[in-house]
N, C-alpha and C. Protein backbone atom coordinates (compact mmCIF):
# COMPACT_ATOMS: atom_id res chain seq x y z
N MET A 1 0.85 -1.18 0.00
CA MET A 1 0.00 0.00 0.00
C MET A 1 0.89 1.24 0.00
N ARG A 2 0.44 2.26 -0.70
CA ARG A 2 1.23 3.47 -0.83
C ARG A 2 0.46 4.65 -0.24
N GLU A 3 1.17 5.45 0.57
CA GLU A 3 0.65 6.72 1.06
C GLU A 3 1.45 7.81 0.37
N LEU A 4 0.78 8.69 -0.34
CA LEU A 4 1.46 9.72 -1.12
C LEU A 4 1.34 11.07 -0.43
N ILE A 5 2.48 11.75 -0.31
CA ILE A 5 2.56 13.11 0.24
C ILE A 5 3.24 13.96 -0.82
N VAL A 6 2.67 15.11 -1.15
CA VAL A 6 3.29 16.00 -2.13
C VAL A 6 3.89 17.19 -1.39
N LEU A 7 5.14 17.50 -1.73
CA LEU A 7 5.84 18.64 -1.17
C LEU A 7 6.16 19.62 -2.29
N VAL A 8 5.77 20.88 -2.12
CA VAL A 8 6.10 21.95 -3.06
C VAL A 8 6.99 22.93 -2.32
N ASP A 9 8.18 23.16 -2.85
CA ASP A 9 9.16 24.03 -2.21
C ASP A 9 9.38 25.29 -3.05
N ASN A 10 9.60 26.41 -2.37
CA ASN A 10 10.12 27.61 -3.02
C ASN A 10 9.14 28.26 -4.01
N THR A 11 8.13 28.89 -3.50
CA THR A 11 7.25 29.64 -4.40
C THR A 11 6.84 30.96 -3.77
N SER A 12 6.69 31.95 -4.64
CA SER A 12 6.25 33.28 -4.20
C SER A 12 4.98 33.72 -4.91
N SER A 13 4.44 32.85 -5.77
CA SER A 13 3.29 33.21 -6.59
C SER A 13 2.00 32.63 -6.01
N VAL A 14 1.02 33.50 -5.83
CA VAL A 14 -0.30 33.08 -5.36
C VAL A 14 -0.90 32.07 -6.34
N ALA A 15 -0.87 32.41 -7.62
CA ALA A 15 -1.48 31.56 -8.64
C ALA A 15 -0.85 30.16 -8.66
N ARG A 16 0.46 30.08 -8.49
CA ARG A 16 1.12 28.77 -8.51
C ARG A 16 0.74 27.94 -7.29
N VAL A 17 0.67 28.56 -6.13
CA VAL A 17 0.26 27.82 -4.93
C VAL A 17 -1.15 27.26 -5.13
N VAL A 18 -2.04 28.08 -5.65
CA VAL A 18 -3.42 27.64 -5.89
C VAL A 18 -3.47 26.52 -6.93
N GLU A 19 -2.71 26.66 -8.02
CA GLU A 19 -2.70 25.62 -9.06
C GLU A 19 -2.14 24.30 -8.53
N PHE A 20 -1.04 24.38 -7.77
CA PHE A 20 -0.50 23.16 -7.18
C PHE A 20 -1.53 22.50 -6.27
N ALA A 21 -2.22 23.28 -5.46
CA ALA A 21 -3.24 22.73 -4.55
C ALA A 21 -4.36 22.07 -5.35
N LYS A 22 -4.83 22.71 -6.40
CA LYS A 22 -5.91 22.13 -7.21
C LYS A 22 -5.49 20.80 -7.81
N VAL A 23 -4.27 20.73 -8.32
CA VAL A 23 -3.78 19.49 -8.93
C VAL A 23 -3.66 18.40 -7.87
N VAL A 24 -3.00 18.70 -6.78
CA VAL A 24 -2.75 17.69 -5.74
C VAL A 24 -4.06 17.15 -5.17
N TYR A 25 -4.92 18.03 -4.72
CA TYR A 25 -6.18 17.58 -4.12
C TYR A 25 -7.12 16.98 -5.16
N GLY A 26 -7.06 17.49 -6.38
CA GLY A 26 -7.89 16.95 -7.45
C GLY A 26 -7.58 15.48 -7.73
N PHE A 27 -6.33 15.07 -7.52
CA PHE A 27 -5.94 13.68 -7.70
C PHE A 27 -6.24 12.83 -6.47
N GLY A 28 -6.78 13.45 -5.43
CA GLY A 28 -7.14 12.69 -4.24
C GLY A 28 -6.03 12.54 -3.22
N VAL A 29 -4.92 13.24 -3.40
CA VAL A 29 -3.84 13.21 -2.42
C VAL A 29 -4.31 13.97 -1.19
N LYS A 30 -4.10 13.42 -0.02
CA LYS A 30 -4.62 14.00 1.22
C LYS A 30 -3.65 14.94 1.92
N ASN A 31 -2.36 14.87 1.61
CA ASN A 31 -1.36 15.69 2.30
C ASN A 31 -0.54 16.52 1.32
N LEU A 32 -0.66 17.84 1.42
CA LEU A 32 0.17 18.76 0.66
C LEU A 32 1.01 19.54 1.65
N VAL A 33 2.32 19.53 1.42
CA VAL A 33 3.26 20.25 2.27
C VAL A 33 3.88 21.37 1.44
N LEU A 34 3.83 22.59 1.96
CA LEU A 34 4.47 23.73 1.31
C LEU A 34 5.64 24.17 2.17
N THR A 35 6.82 24.31 1.55
CA THR A 35 8.00 24.79 2.27
C THR A 35 8.58 25.99 1.54
N HIS A 36 9.20 26.85 2.30
CA HIS A 36 9.84 28.06 1.76
C HIS A 36 8.87 28.84 0.88
N VAL A 37 7.72 29.17 1.44
CA VAL A 37 6.72 29.99 0.76
C VAL A 37 6.94 31.43 1.22
N TYR A 38 7.02 32.36 0.29
CA TYR A 38 7.33 33.74 0.66
C TYR A 38 6.56 34.72 -0.21
N GLY A 39 6.62 35.98 0.17
CA GLY A 39 5.96 37.04 -0.60
C GLY A 39 4.45 36.89 -0.60
N SER A 40 3.85 37.23 -1.73
CA SER A 40 2.39 37.19 -1.82
C SER A 40 1.85 35.76 -1.68
N ALA A 41 2.64 34.76 -2.04
CA ALA A 41 2.19 33.38 -1.87
C ALA A 41 1.98 33.07 -0.40
N ALA A 42 2.84 33.61 0.46
CA ALA A 42 2.71 33.38 1.90
C ALA A 42 1.50 34.14 2.46
N GLN A 43 1.26 35.34 1.94
CA GLN A 43 0.18 36.16 2.48
C GLN A 43 -1.19 35.81 1.92
N GLN A 44 -1.26 35.53 0.63
CA GLN A 44 -2.56 35.28 -0.01
C GLN A 44 -2.71 33.86 -0.53
N GLY A 45 -1.63 33.25 -0.98
CA GLY A 45 -1.70 31.91 -1.56
C GLY A 45 -2.03 30.83 -0.55
N ILE A 46 -1.43 30.92 0.63
CA ILE A 46 -1.68 29.91 1.67
C ILE A 46 -3.14 29.90 2.10
N PRO A 47 -3.76 31.06 2.37
CA PRO A 47 -5.19 31.02 2.71
C PRO A 47 -6.06 30.42 1.60
N GLU A 48 -5.74 30.74 0.35
CA GLU A 48 -6.50 30.17 -0.77
C GLU A 48 -6.31 28.66 -0.86
N ALA A 49 -5.08 28.21 -0.70
CA ALA A 49 -4.80 26.76 -0.73
C ALA A 49 -5.49 26.06 0.43
N PHE A 50 -5.55 26.72 1.58
CA PHE A 50 -6.22 26.14 2.74
C PHE A 50 -7.71 25.95 2.47
N LYS A 51 -8.34 26.92 1.80
CA LYS A 51 -9.76 26.78 1.44
C LYS A 51 -9.96 25.56 0.54
N ILE A 52 -9.04 25.38 -0.40
CA ILE A 52 -9.14 24.23 -1.30
C ILE A 52 -8.98 22.93 -0.51
N SER A 53 -8.03 22.91 0.42
CA SER A 53 -7.81 21.69 1.23
C SER A 53 -9.07 21.34 2.03
N LEU A 54 -9.74 22.33 2.57
CA LEU A 54 -10.97 22.08 3.33
C LEU A 54 -12.07 21.51 2.43
N LYS A 55 -12.15 22.03 1.21
CA LYS A 55 -13.14 21.55 0.25
C LYS A 55 -12.96 20.06 -0.04
N TYR A 56 -11.71 19.60 -0.02
CA TYR A 56 -11.39 18.20 -0.30
C TYR A 56 -11.18 17.37 0.97
N SER A 57 -11.47 17.94 2.13
CA SER A 57 -11.24 17.26 3.41
C SER A 57 -9.82 16.71 3.51
N SER A 58 -8.87 17.55 3.15
CA SER A 58 -7.46 17.18 3.13
C SER A 58 -6.65 18.13 3.99
N SER A 59 -5.36 17.84 4.14
CA SER A 59 -4.54 18.68 5.00
C SER A 59 -3.53 19.48 4.20
N LEU A 60 -3.27 20.68 4.68
CA LEU A 60 -2.25 21.57 4.13
C LEU A 60 -1.29 21.87 5.27
N ILE A 61 -0.02 21.53 5.06
CA ILE A 61 1.00 21.72 6.09
C ILE A 61 2.01 22.73 5.56
N ILE A 62 2.30 23.75 6.34
CA ILE A 62 3.28 24.78 5.97
C ILE A 62 4.48 24.62 6.89
N LEU A 63 5.66 24.44 6.31
CA LEU A 63 6.89 24.26 7.08
C LEU A 63 7.99 25.15 6.50
N PRO A 64 8.99 25.49 7.32
CA PRO A 64 10.05 26.36 6.82
C PRO A 64 10.96 25.71 5.78
N THR A 65 11.32 24.42 5.99
CA THR A 65 12.32 23.80 5.10
C THR A 65 11.90 22.39 4.70
N ILE A 66 12.55 21.91 3.65
CA ILE A 66 12.35 20.53 3.21
C ILE A 66 12.78 19.57 4.31
N ARG A 67 13.88 19.86 4.97
CA ARG A 67 14.39 19.01 6.06
C ARG A 67 13.32 18.83 7.14
N ASP A 68 12.59 19.90 7.47
CA ASP A 68 11.51 19.79 8.45
C ASP A 68 10.45 18.79 7.99
N ALA A 69 10.10 18.85 6.71
CA ALA A 69 9.10 17.93 6.17
C ALA A 69 9.59 16.49 6.24
N LEU A 70 10.85 16.27 5.91
CA LEU A 70 11.41 14.92 5.96
C LEU A 70 11.45 14.40 7.40
N ASP A 71 11.82 15.26 8.33
CA ASP A 71 11.89 14.87 9.74
C ASP A 71 10.51 14.54 10.31
N LEU A 72 9.50 15.30 9.92
CA LEU A 72 8.15 15.08 10.45
C LEU A 72 7.41 13.91 9.80
N PHE A 73 7.53 13.78 8.49
CA PHE A 73 6.78 12.73 7.78
C PHE A 73 7.52 11.41 7.69
N LYS A 74 8.85 11.45 7.75
CA LYS A 74 9.68 10.24 7.68
C LYS A 74 9.27 9.32 6.52
N PRO A 75 9.35 9.84 5.29
CA PRO A 75 8.95 9.01 4.15
C PRO A 75 9.92 7.85 3.91
N ASP A 76 9.37 6.75 3.40
CA ASP A 76 10.20 5.61 3.01
C ASP A 76 10.96 5.91 1.73
N HIS A 77 10.33 6.67 0.84
CA HIS A 77 10.92 7.04 -0.45
C HIS A 77 10.64 8.51 -0.70
N VAL A 78 11.62 9.21 -1.27
CA VAL A 78 11.43 10.59 -1.70
C VAL A 78 11.73 10.64 -3.19
N LEU A 79 10.74 11.00 -3.98
CA LEU A 79 10.91 11.15 -5.42
C LEU A 79 10.90 12.63 -5.73
N VAL A 80 12.02 13.13 -6.23
CA VAL A 80 12.17 14.55 -6.52
C VAL A 80 12.01 14.74 -8.02
N ILE A 81 11.01 15.52 -8.40
CA ILE A 81 10.75 15.78 -9.82
C ILE A 81 11.78 16.77 -10.34
N ARG A 82 12.40 16.39 -11.45
CA ARG A 82 13.42 17.22 -12.08
C ARG A 82 13.17 17.30 -13.58
N ARG A 83 13.87 18.23 -14.21
CA ARG A 83 13.86 18.28 -15.67
C ARG A 83 14.55 17.01 -16.19
N PRO A 84 14.15 16.54 -17.35
CA PRO A 84 14.81 15.35 -17.90
C PRO A 84 16.30 15.60 -18.13
N SER A 85 17.12 14.63 -17.76
CA SER A 85 18.57 14.68 -18.00
C SER A 85 19.10 13.26 -17.83
N PRO A 86 20.35 13.02 -18.24
CA PRO A 86 20.90 11.66 -18.10
C PRO A 86 20.97 11.17 -16.65
N GLN A 87 21.06 12.07 -15.68
CA GLN A 87 21.17 11.67 -14.27
C GLN A 87 19.81 11.41 -13.62
N VAL A 88 18.75 11.73 -14.31
CA VAL A 88 17.39 11.62 -13.77
C VAL A 88 16.74 10.35 -14.31
N LYS A 89 16.15 9.58 -13.42
CA LYS A 89 15.52 8.31 -13.80
C LYS A 89 14.08 8.55 -14.25
N PRO A 90 13.57 7.69 -15.13
CA PRO A 90 12.16 7.79 -15.49
C PRO A 90 11.28 7.43 -14.29
N LEU A 91 10.21 8.16 -14.12
CA LEU A 91 9.29 7.89 -13.00
C LEU A 91 8.72 6.48 -13.08
N THR A 92 8.58 5.96 -14.28
CA THR A 92 8.01 4.62 -14.43
C THR A 92 8.85 3.55 -13.73
N ASP A 93 10.12 3.82 -13.45
CA ASP A 93 10.95 2.88 -12.69
C ASP A 93 10.43 2.70 -11.26
N PHE A 94 9.61 3.64 -10.79
CA PHE A 94 9.15 3.64 -9.40
C PHE A 94 7.65 3.41 -9.27
N ILE A 95 7.03 2.97 -10.33
CA ILE A 95 5.57 2.87 -10.34
C ILE A 95 5.03 1.88 -9.30
N ASN A 96 5.82 0.91 -8.91
CA ASN A 96 5.34 -0.11 -7.97
C ASN A 96 5.86 0.06 -6.55
N ILE A 97 6.42 1.22 -6.20
CA ILE A 97 6.92 1.38 -4.84
C ILE A 97 5.76 1.51 -3.86
N ASP A 98 6.00 0.98 -2.68
CA ASP A 98 4.99 1.03 -1.62
C ASP A 98 5.52 1.81 -0.44
N GLY A 99 4.68 1.99 0.56
CA GLY A 99 5.07 2.70 1.77
C GLY A 99 4.70 4.16 1.68
N ARG A 100 5.34 4.93 2.51
CA ARG A 100 5.10 6.38 2.55
C ARG A 100 6.03 7.04 1.52
N VAL A 101 5.43 7.62 0.49
CA VAL A 101 6.19 8.20 -0.62
C VAL A 101 5.96 9.71 -0.64
N MET A 102 7.06 10.46 -0.59
CA MET A 102 6.98 11.92 -0.72
C MET A 102 7.41 12.29 -2.13
N LEU A 103 6.54 13.00 -2.82
CA LEU A 103 6.81 13.48 -4.17
C LEU A 103 7.11 14.97 -4.05
N ALA A 104 8.36 15.36 -4.33
CA ALA A 104 8.80 16.74 -4.12
C ALA A 104 9.02 17.45 -5.45
N VAL A 105 8.62 18.72 -5.49
CA VAL A 105 8.77 19.52 -6.70
C VAL A 105 9.05 20.96 -6.31
N ASP A 106 9.80 21.67 -7.14
CA ASP A 106 10.06 23.08 -6.90
C ASP A 106 8.90 23.91 -7.43
N GLY A 107 8.45 24.87 -6.65
CA GLY A 107 7.30 25.69 -7.02
C GLY A 107 7.60 26.79 -8.00
N SER A 108 8.87 26.98 -8.34
CA SER A 108 9.21 28.07 -9.26
C SER A 108 9.93 27.57 -10.51
N ASP A 109 9.70 26.32 -10.88
CA ASP A 109 10.28 25.70 -12.08
C ASP A 109 11.80 25.62 -12.05
N GLN A 110 12.39 25.59 -10.87
CA GLN A 110 13.82 25.32 -10.74
C GLN A 110 13.98 23.86 -10.33
N ASP A 111 15.22 23.41 -10.24
CA ASP A 111 15.49 22.06 -9.74
C ASP A 111 15.86 22.16 -8.27
N ILE A 112 15.21 21.37 -7.44
CA ILE A 112 15.54 21.37 -6.02
C ILE A 112 16.46 20.21 -5.70
N ARG A 113 17.17 20.34 -4.61
CA ARG A 113 18.08 19.30 -4.15
C ARG A 113 17.59 18.82 -2.79
N VAL A 114 17.47 17.51 -2.68
CA VAL A 114 17.05 16.88 -1.43
C VAL A 114 18.10 15.82 -1.10
N GLU A 115 18.59 15.84 0.12
CA GLU A 115 19.62 14.89 0.55
C GLU A 115 18.99 13.72 1.29
N GLY A 116 19.55 12.54 1.08
CA GLY A 116 19.10 11.36 1.82
C GLY A 116 19.31 10.09 1.03
N SER A 117 19.43 8.99 1.74
CA SER A 117 19.66 7.70 1.09
C SER A 117 18.41 7.18 0.38
N ASN A 118 17.25 7.69 0.76
CA ASN A 118 15.99 7.24 0.17
C ASN A 118 15.48 8.18 -0.92
N VAL A 119 16.36 9.04 -1.45
CA VAL A 119 15.99 10.06 -2.43
C VAL A 119 16.35 9.61 -3.84
N SER A 120 15.40 9.75 -4.76
CA SER A 120 15.63 9.48 -6.18
C SER A 120 15.13 10.68 -6.98
N TYR A 121 15.90 11.05 -8.00
CA TYR A 121 15.50 12.14 -8.89
C TYR A 121 14.82 11.53 -10.10
N VAL A 122 13.61 12.02 -10.40
CA VAL A 122 12.78 11.41 -11.43
C VAL A 122 12.23 12.46 -12.40
N ALA A 123 11.90 11.99 -13.59
CA ALA A 123 11.21 12.83 -14.58
C ALA A 123 10.03 12.02 -15.12
N PRO A 124 8.82 12.55 -14.99
CA PRO A 124 7.64 11.82 -15.48
C PRO A 124 7.60 11.69 -17.00
N VAL A 125 8.13 12.68 -17.71
CA VAL A 125 8.15 12.66 -19.17
C VAL A 125 9.51 13.14 -19.65
N LYS A 126 9.79 12.92 -20.93
CA LYS A 126 11.10 13.29 -21.46
C LYS A 126 11.16 14.74 -21.94
N TYR A 127 10.11 15.50 -21.72
CA TYR A 127 10.07 16.90 -22.15
C TYR A 127 10.08 17.82 -20.94
N ASP A 128 10.61 19.02 -21.11
CA ASP A 128 10.60 20.02 -20.05
C ASP A 128 9.30 20.82 -20.18
N ILE A 129 8.28 20.43 -19.42
CA ILE A 129 6.96 21.05 -19.55
C ILE A 129 6.60 21.91 -18.35
N GLY A 130 7.57 22.18 -17.49
CA GLY A 130 7.29 22.97 -16.29
C GLY A 130 6.86 22.07 -15.15
N ASN A 131 7.03 22.54 -13.94
CA ASN A 131 6.82 21.69 -12.78
C ASN A 131 5.37 21.38 -12.45
N ILE A 132 4.44 22.27 -12.78
CA ILE A 132 3.03 21.93 -12.57
C ILE A 132 2.63 20.80 -13.52
N GLY A 133 3.06 20.90 -14.76
CA GLY A 133 2.80 19.82 -15.72
C GLY A 133 3.48 18.53 -15.33
N GLN A 134 4.74 18.62 -14.88
CA GLN A 134 5.47 17.42 -14.45
C GLN A 134 4.76 16.77 -13.26
N LEU A 135 4.34 17.58 -12.29
CA LEU A 135 3.64 17.03 -11.13
C LEU A 135 2.32 16.37 -11.54
N THR A 136 1.59 17.00 -12.43
CA THR A 136 0.33 16.44 -12.90
C THR A 136 0.54 15.07 -13.52
N LEU A 137 1.54 14.96 -14.39
CA LEU A 137 1.80 13.67 -15.04
C LEU A 137 2.37 12.66 -14.05
N ALA A 138 3.14 13.11 -13.08
CA ALA A 138 3.66 12.20 -12.05
C ALA A 138 2.51 11.61 -11.23
N LEU A 139 1.58 12.46 -10.83
CA LEU A 139 0.43 11.97 -10.06
C LEU A 139 -0.42 11.02 -10.90
N CYS A 140 -0.61 11.36 -12.16
CA CYS A 140 -1.37 10.49 -13.06
C CYS A 140 -0.70 9.12 -13.16
N THR A 141 0.61 9.11 -13.26
CA THR A 141 1.36 7.85 -13.36
C THR A 141 1.28 7.06 -12.06
N LEU A 142 1.51 7.72 -10.94
CA LEU A 142 1.55 7.02 -9.65
C LEU A 142 0.16 6.60 -9.16
N MET A 143 -0.86 7.40 -9.50
CA MET A 143 -2.21 7.08 -9.05
C MET A 143 -2.83 5.99 -9.93
N GLY A 144 -2.38 5.90 -11.17
CA GLY A 144 -2.84 4.86 -12.08
C GLY A 144 -4.25 5.10 -12.59
N GLY A 145 -4.44 4.85 -13.86
CA GLY A 145 -5.76 4.89 -14.45
C GLY A 145 -6.46 6.22 -14.42
N CYS A 146 -5.73 7.31 -14.56
CA CYS A 146 -6.39 8.61 -14.45
C CYS A 146 -6.86 9.16 -15.79
N LEU A 147 -6.40 8.57 -16.88
CA LEU A 147 -6.81 9.10 -18.18
C LEU A 147 -8.22 8.66 -18.51
N ASN A 148 -9.02 9.57 -19.01
CA ASN A 148 -10.40 9.30 -19.37
C ASN A 148 -10.44 9.01 -20.87
N VAL A 149 -10.04 7.79 -21.22
CA VAL A 149 -9.94 7.41 -22.62
C VAL A 149 -10.88 6.24 -22.87
N GLN A 150 -11.67 6.36 -23.91
CA GLN A 150 -12.56 5.26 -24.29
C GLN A 150 -12.03 4.65 -25.57
N HIS A 151 -11.89 3.34 -25.56
CA HIS A 151 -11.43 2.64 -26.76
C HIS A 151 -12.65 2.20 -27.55
N GLN A 152 -12.69 2.56 -28.82
CA GLN A 152 -13.86 2.33 -29.66
C GLN A 152 -13.65 1.19 -30.65
N GLY A 153 -12.77 0.27 -30.37
CA GLY A 153 -12.56 -0.83 -31.31
C GLY A 153 -11.58 -0.44 -32.39
N SER A 154 -11.62 -1.15 -33.49
CA SER A 154 -10.66 -0.98 -34.57
C SER A 154 -10.94 0.29 -35.36
N THR A 155 -9.87 0.91 -35.82
CA THR A 155 -10.00 2.10 -36.67
C THR A 155 -9.53 1.78 -38.08
N GLN A 156 -9.42 0.50 -38.43
CA GLN A 156 -8.98 0.13 -39.77
C GLN A 156 -9.99 0.63 -40.80
N GLY A 157 -9.47 1.08 -41.89
CA GLY A 157 -10.33 1.54 -42.97
C GLY A 157 -10.73 2.99 -42.85
N LEU A 158 -10.28 3.68 -41.81
CA LEU A 158 -10.61 5.10 -41.68
C LEU A 158 -9.58 5.95 -42.33
């Protein structure tokens, strides 16, 4: 069984905090952790994200640093979303991991660094589509079966 926690680090944009919250809670994830939130995101984004969390009966946790989140949640695995590169593994390599999994992403489209023996750097797709897009596809991959696709049989002869 897998328990998924999403961590978003380093954002100052109200709109980005709200978008991350909509994506995370929309996928049914119950725990969103925001670290290093500053500027208008801290003043206006956090209250908006909190309203969204209440709507989904989920929790929003605000902490100063990534290390605080790791110390409090003690995840078995930490998957850090990064831009595609030779050093970054495909997310599909981790599709069957169990336990407490923290999925970490930078809120300002930069690459974050997380230290630990249980940390893996992953890319959900081979394109640089920005971190909200990467997180969306990562959640879709890890949650399984999220695409609303209907197969209509053969298309031969069309």
